[in-house]
């Protein structure tokens, strides 16, 4: 029984690490254009909170969140402190 629990723990741990890596990966993301800029994710930041900071009054925040996710090729909305995001100019 202990062996089964140990194997289950290792499998769950590895799955979590793979998911964590895929959400924070910046490989394959095109470099920012002249009208785009980088931000560094701070503890407690979410895509929603970042979108609120960059949106104008007439913009739909849901479209901003989606645009951030697409531009940065995020497979998950989860962000990590220190992660670098590109803020597109055409949100």
N, C-alpha and C. Protein backbone atom coordinates (compact mmCIF):
# COMPACT_ATOMS: atom_id res chain seq x y z
N UNK A 1 0.81 -1.19 0.00
CA UNK A 1 0.00 0.00 0.00
C UNK A 1 0.87 1.27 0.00
N UNK A 2 1.98 1.22 0.75
CA UNK A 2 2.87 2.38 0.79
C UNK A 2 3.53 2.61 -0.57
N UNK A 3 3.85 1.54 -1.25
CA UNK A 3 4.44 1.66 -2.58
C UNK A 3 3.45 2.32 -3.54
N UNK A 4 2.20 1.90 -3.50
CA UNK A 4 1.17 2.50 -4.35
C UNK A 4 1.02 3.99 -4.05
N UNK A 5 1.01 4.36 -2.77
CA UNK A 5 0.88 5.76 -2.38
C UNK A 5 2.08 6.57 -2.88
N UNK A 6 3.27 6.00 -2.77
CA UNK A 6 4.47 6.69 -3.24
C UNK A 6 4.44 6.89 -4.75
N UNK A 7 4.03 5.87 -5.48
CA UNK A 7 3.95 5.98 -6.94
C UNK A 7 2.90 7.01 -7.33
N UNK A 8 1.76 7.00 -6.65
CA UNK A 8 0.70 7.97 -6.92
C UNK A 8 1.19 9.39 -6.65
N UNK A 9 1.90 9.58 -5.54
CA UNK A 9 2.43 10.90 -5.21
C UNK A 9 3.39 11.39 -6.29
N UNK A 10 4.31 10.54 -6.72
CA UNK A 10 5.28 10.92 -7.75
C UNK A 10 4.56 11.25 -9.06
N UNK A 11 3.58 10.46 -9.42
CA UNK A 11 2.84 10.70 -10.66
C UNK A 11 2.10 12.04 -10.60
N UNK A 12 1.45 12.32 -9.49
CA UNK A 12 0.74 13.60 -9.34
C UNK A 12 1.72 14.77 -9.33
N UNK A 13 2.83 14.61 -8.65
CA UNK A 13 3.84 15.66 -8.60
C UNK A 13 4.36 15.97 -10.01
N UNK A 14 4.69 14.95 -10.76
CA UNK A 14 5.22 15.15 -12.12
C UNK A 14 4.16 15.78 -13.03
N UNK A 15 2.91 15.36 -12.89
CA UNK A 15 1.83 15.96 -13.68
C UNK A 15 1.70 17.45 -13.36
N UNK A 16 1.77 17.78 -12.09
CA UNK A 16 1.69 19.18 -11.69
C UNK A 16 2.84 20.00 -12.23
N UNK A 17 4.02 19.45 -12.21
CA UNK A 17 5.19 20.17 -12.73
C UNK A 17 5.07 20.39 -14.24
N UNK A 18 4.54 19.41 -14.95
CA UNK A 18 4.35 19.57 -16.39
C UNK A 18 3.33 20.66 -16.68
N UNK A 19 2.24 20.68 -15.92
CA UNK A 19 1.23 21.71 -16.10
C UNK A 19 1.79 23.08 -15.77
N UNK A 20 2.53 23.17 -14.69
CA UNK A 20 3.12 24.44 -14.28
C UNK A 20 4.07 24.94 -15.35
N UNK A 21 4.89 24.07 -15.89
CA UNK A 21 5.83 24.47 -16.93
C UNK A 21 5.10 24.93 -18.18
N UNK A 22 4.03 24.27 -18.57
CA UNK A 22 3.34 24.63 -19.80
C UNK A 22 2.65 25.98 -19.68
N UNK A 23 2.20 26.36 -18.50
CA UNK A 23 1.51 27.64 -18.35
C UNK A 23 2.49 28.80 -18.30
N UNK A 24 3.74 28.53 -17.94
CA UNK A 24 4.70 29.61 -17.80
C UNK A 24 5.71 29.66 -18.94
N UNK A 25 5.57 28.85 -19.91
CA UNK A 25 6.53 28.76 -21.00
C UNK A 25 6.44 29.98 -21.91
N UNK A 26 7.61 30.50 -22.30
CA UNK A 26 7.64 31.60 -23.26
C UNK A 26 8.31 31.17 -24.56
N UNK A 27 8.64 29.90 -24.66
CA UNK A 27 9.24 29.40 -25.89
C UNK A 27 8.25 29.53 -27.04
N UNK A 28 8.72 29.99 -28.17
CA UNK A 28 7.87 30.08 -29.33
C UNK A 28 7.06 31.37 -29.42
N UNK A 29 7.14 32.21 -28.41
CA UNK A 29 6.42 33.48 -28.44
C UNK A 29 7.25 34.47 -29.26
N UNK A 30 6.62 35.10 -30.22
CA UNK A 30 7.32 36.07 -31.06
C UNK A 30 7.80 37.24 -30.20
N UNK A 31 8.96 37.80 -30.50
CA UNK A 31 9.44 38.95 -29.73
C UNK A 31 8.50 40.13 -29.88
N UNK A 32 8.50 41.03 -28.91
CA UNK A 32 7.58 42.16 -28.98
C UNK A 32 7.91 43.09 -30.14
N UNK A 33 6.86 43.66 -30.71
CA UNK A 33 7.04 44.66 -31.77
C UNK A 33 7.33 46.00 -31.11
N UNK A 34 7.50 47.02 -31.93
CA UNK A 34 7.81 48.35 -31.40
C UNK A 34 6.68 48.91 -30.54
N UNK A 35 5.44 48.48 -30.79
CA UNK A 35 4.30 48.99 -30.04
C UNK A 35 3.91 48.12 -28.85
N UNK A 36 4.69 47.11 -28.55
CA UNK A 36 4.41 46.22 -27.44
C UNK A 36 5.47 46.41 -26.36
N UNK A 37 5.15 45.96 -25.15
CA UNK A 37 6.14 46.07 -24.08
C UNK A 37 6.02 44.88 -23.14
N UNK A 38 7.06 44.69 -22.34
CA UNK A 38 7.11 43.61 -21.37
C UNK A 38 6.63 44.09 -20.01
N UNK A 39 6.03 43.17 -19.25
CA UNK A 39 5.81 43.40 -17.84
C UNK A 39 6.27 42.14 -17.10
N UNK A 40 6.65 42.32 -15.87
CA UNK A 40 7.02 41.19 -15.02
C UNK A 40 5.88 40.95 -14.05
N UNK A 41 5.42 39.73 -13.98
CA UNK A 41 4.30 39.37 -13.11
C UNK A 41 4.74 39.49 -11.65
N UNK A 42 3.93 40.17 -10.87
CA UNK A 42 4.17 40.33 -9.43
C UNK A 42 3.32 39.33 -8.66
N UNK A 43 3.70 39.02 -7.42
CA UNK A 43 2.86 38.12 -6.62
C UNK A 43 1.43 38.65 -6.53
N UNK A 44 0.48 37.78 -6.77
CA UNK A 44 -0.93 38.16 -6.70
C UNK A 44 -1.52 38.64 -8.02
N UNK A 45 -0.68 38.88 -9.02
CA UNK A 45 -1.18 39.31 -10.34
C UNK A 45 -1.97 38.19 -10.99
N UNK A 46 -3.01 38.58 -11.71
CA UNK A 46 -3.79 37.66 -12.52
C UNK A 46 -3.93 38.29 -13.91
N UNK A 47 -4.34 37.49 -14.87
CA UNK A 47 -4.59 38.07 -16.20
C UNK A 47 -5.65 39.16 -16.10
N UNK A 48 -6.65 38.94 -15.25
CA UNK A 48 -7.72 39.92 -15.08
C UNK A 48 -7.17 41.23 -14.51
N UNK A 49 -6.33 41.16 -13.48
CA UNK A 49 -5.80 42.39 -12.86
C UNK A 49 -4.88 43.14 -13.83
N UNK A 50 -4.11 42.40 -14.61
CA UNK A 50 -3.25 43.05 -15.60
C UNK A 50 -4.10 43.69 -16.70
N UNK A 51 -5.14 42.98 -17.14
CA UNK A 51 -6.04 43.53 -18.16
C UNK A 51 -6.70 44.82 -17.66
N UNK A 52 -7.08 44.86 -16.40
CA UNK A 52 -7.69 46.08 -15.83
C UNK A 52 -6.73 47.26 -15.89
N UNK A 53 -5.44 46.98 -15.74
CA UNK A 53 -4.44 48.05 -15.76
C UNK A 53 -4.21 48.62 -17.16
N UNK A 54 -4.39 47.82 -18.19
CA UNK A 54 -4.05 48.26 -19.54
C UNK A 54 -5.26 48.64 -20.39
N UNK A 55 -6.45 48.32 -19.94
CA UNK A 55 -7.64 48.58 -20.77
C UNK A 55 -8.07 50.04 -20.71
N UNK A 56 -8.76 50.45 -21.76
CA UNK A 56 -9.40 51.77 -21.76
C UNK A 56 -10.87 51.58 -21.39
N UNK A 57 -11.57 52.67 -21.16
CA UNK A 57 -12.97 52.59 -20.71
C UNK A 57 -13.86 51.80 -21.66
N UNK A 58 -13.67 51.96 -22.94
CA UNK A 58 -14.57 51.33 -23.91
C UNK A 58 -14.22 49.88 -24.23
N UNK A 59 -13.11 49.38 -23.74
CA UNK A 59 -12.71 48.01 -24.06
C UNK A 59 -13.36 47.00 -23.12
N UNK A 60 -13.66 45.83 -23.66
CA UNK A 60 -14.20 44.71 -22.89
C UNK A 60 -13.03 43.97 -22.25
N UNK A 61 -13.02 43.92 -20.94
CA UNK A 61 -11.89 43.31 -20.22
C UNK A 61 -11.71 41.84 -20.59
N UNK A 62 -12.79 41.16 -20.94
CA UNK A 62 -12.68 39.74 -21.32
C UNK A 62 -11.87 39.59 -22.60
N UNK A 63 -12.02 40.53 -23.53
CA UNK A 63 -11.23 40.48 -24.76
C UNK A 63 -9.76 40.78 -24.48
N UNK A 64 -9.50 41.65 -23.51
CA UNK A 64 -8.12 41.95 -23.13
C UNK A 64 -7.46 40.70 -22.54
N UNK A 65 -8.16 40.03 -21.63
CA UNK A 65 -7.63 38.80 -21.01
C UNK A 65 -7.34 37.77 -22.10
N UNK A 66 -8.28 37.59 -23.01
CA UNK A 66 -8.09 36.63 -24.10
C UNK A 66 -6.88 37.02 -24.96
N UNK A 67 -6.76 38.31 -25.27
CA UNK A 67 -5.63 38.78 -26.08
C UNK A 67 -4.29 38.55 -25.40
N UNK A 68 -4.23 38.76 -24.09
CA UNK A 68 -3.00 38.50 -23.34
C UNK A 68 -2.64 37.02 -23.38
N UNK A 69 -3.67 36.19 -23.22
CA UNK A 69 -3.45 34.74 -23.21
C UNK A 69 -2.95 34.27 -24.58
N UNK A 70 -3.55 34.76 -25.65
CA UNK A 70 -3.16 34.37 -27.01
C UNK A 70 -1.76 34.89 -27.33
N UNK A 71 -1.51 36.17 -27.06
CA UNK A 71 -0.21 36.78 -27.43
C UNK A 71 0.95 36.10 -26.73
N UNK A 72 0.73 35.68 -25.49
CA UNK A 72 1.79 35.06 -24.71
C UNK A 72 1.75 33.53 -24.76
N UNK A 73 0.86 33.00 -25.59
CA UNK A 73 0.71 31.55 -25.79
C UNK A 73 0.59 30.81 -24.46
N UNK A 74 -0.29 31.32 -23.61
CA UNK A 74 -0.53 30.70 -22.30
C UNK A 74 -1.55 29.58 -22.45
N UNK A 75 -1.22 28.42 -21.93
CA UNK A 75 -2.17 27.31 -21.97
C UNK A 75 -3.08 27.33 -20.74
N UNK A 76 -2.78 28.20 -19.80
CA UNK A 76 -3.53 28.30 -18.57
C UNK A 76 -3.58 29.77 -18.16
N UNK A 77 -4.61 30.20 -17.44
CA UNK A 77 -4.64 31.58 -16.98
C UNK A 77 -3.75 31.82 -15.76
N UNK A 78 -3.15 30.76 -15.23
CA UNK A 78 -2.31 30.88 -14.04
C UNK A 78 -0.99 31.56 -14.38
N UNK A 79 -0.59 32.52 -13.54
CA UNK A 79 0.66 33.24 -13.72
C UNK A 79 1.58 32.98 -12.54
N UNK A 80 2.87 33.11 -12.78
CA UNK A 80 3.87 32.92 -11.74
C UNK A 80 4.61 34.23 -11.50
N UNK A 81 4.88 34.58 -10.24
CA UNK A 81 5.69 35.78 -9.98
C UNK A 81 7.03 35.68 -10.71
N UNK A 82 7.41 36.77 -11.36
CA UNK A 82 8.65 36.79 -12.12
C UNK A 82 8.48 36.42 -13.58
N UNK A 83 7.33 35.86 -13.92
CA UNK A 83 7.05 35.51 -15.32
C UNK A 83 6.97 36.80 -16.13
N UNK A 84 7.47 36.76 -17.35
CA UNK A 84 7.43 37.93 -18.23
C UNK A 84 6.30 37.77 -19.22
N UNK A 85 5.50 38.82 -19.36
CA UNK A 85 4.41 38.83 -20.34
C UNK A 85 4.63 39.96 -21.32
N UNK A 86 4.18 39.76 -22.54
CA UNK A 86 4.20 40.82 -23.55
C UNK A 86 2.79 41.42 -23.58
N UNK A 87 2.74 42.74 -23.49
CA UNK A 87 1.46 43.44 -23.57
C UNK A 87 1.31 43.96 -24.99
N UNK A 88 0.34 43.38 -25.75
CA UNK A 88 0.16 43.81 -27.13
C UNK A 88 -0.46 45.21 -27.23
N UNK A 89 -0.14 45.88 -28.30
CA UNK A 89 -0.67 47.22 -28.51
C UNK A 89 -2.09 47.20 -29.09
N UNK A 90 -2.47 46.09 -29.68
CA UNK A 90 -3.75 46.03 -30.39
C UNK A 90 -4.83 45.30 -29.59
N UNK A 91 -4.83 45.44 -28.29
CA UNK A 91 -5.86 44.78 -27.49
C UNK A 91 -7.11 45.54 -27.72
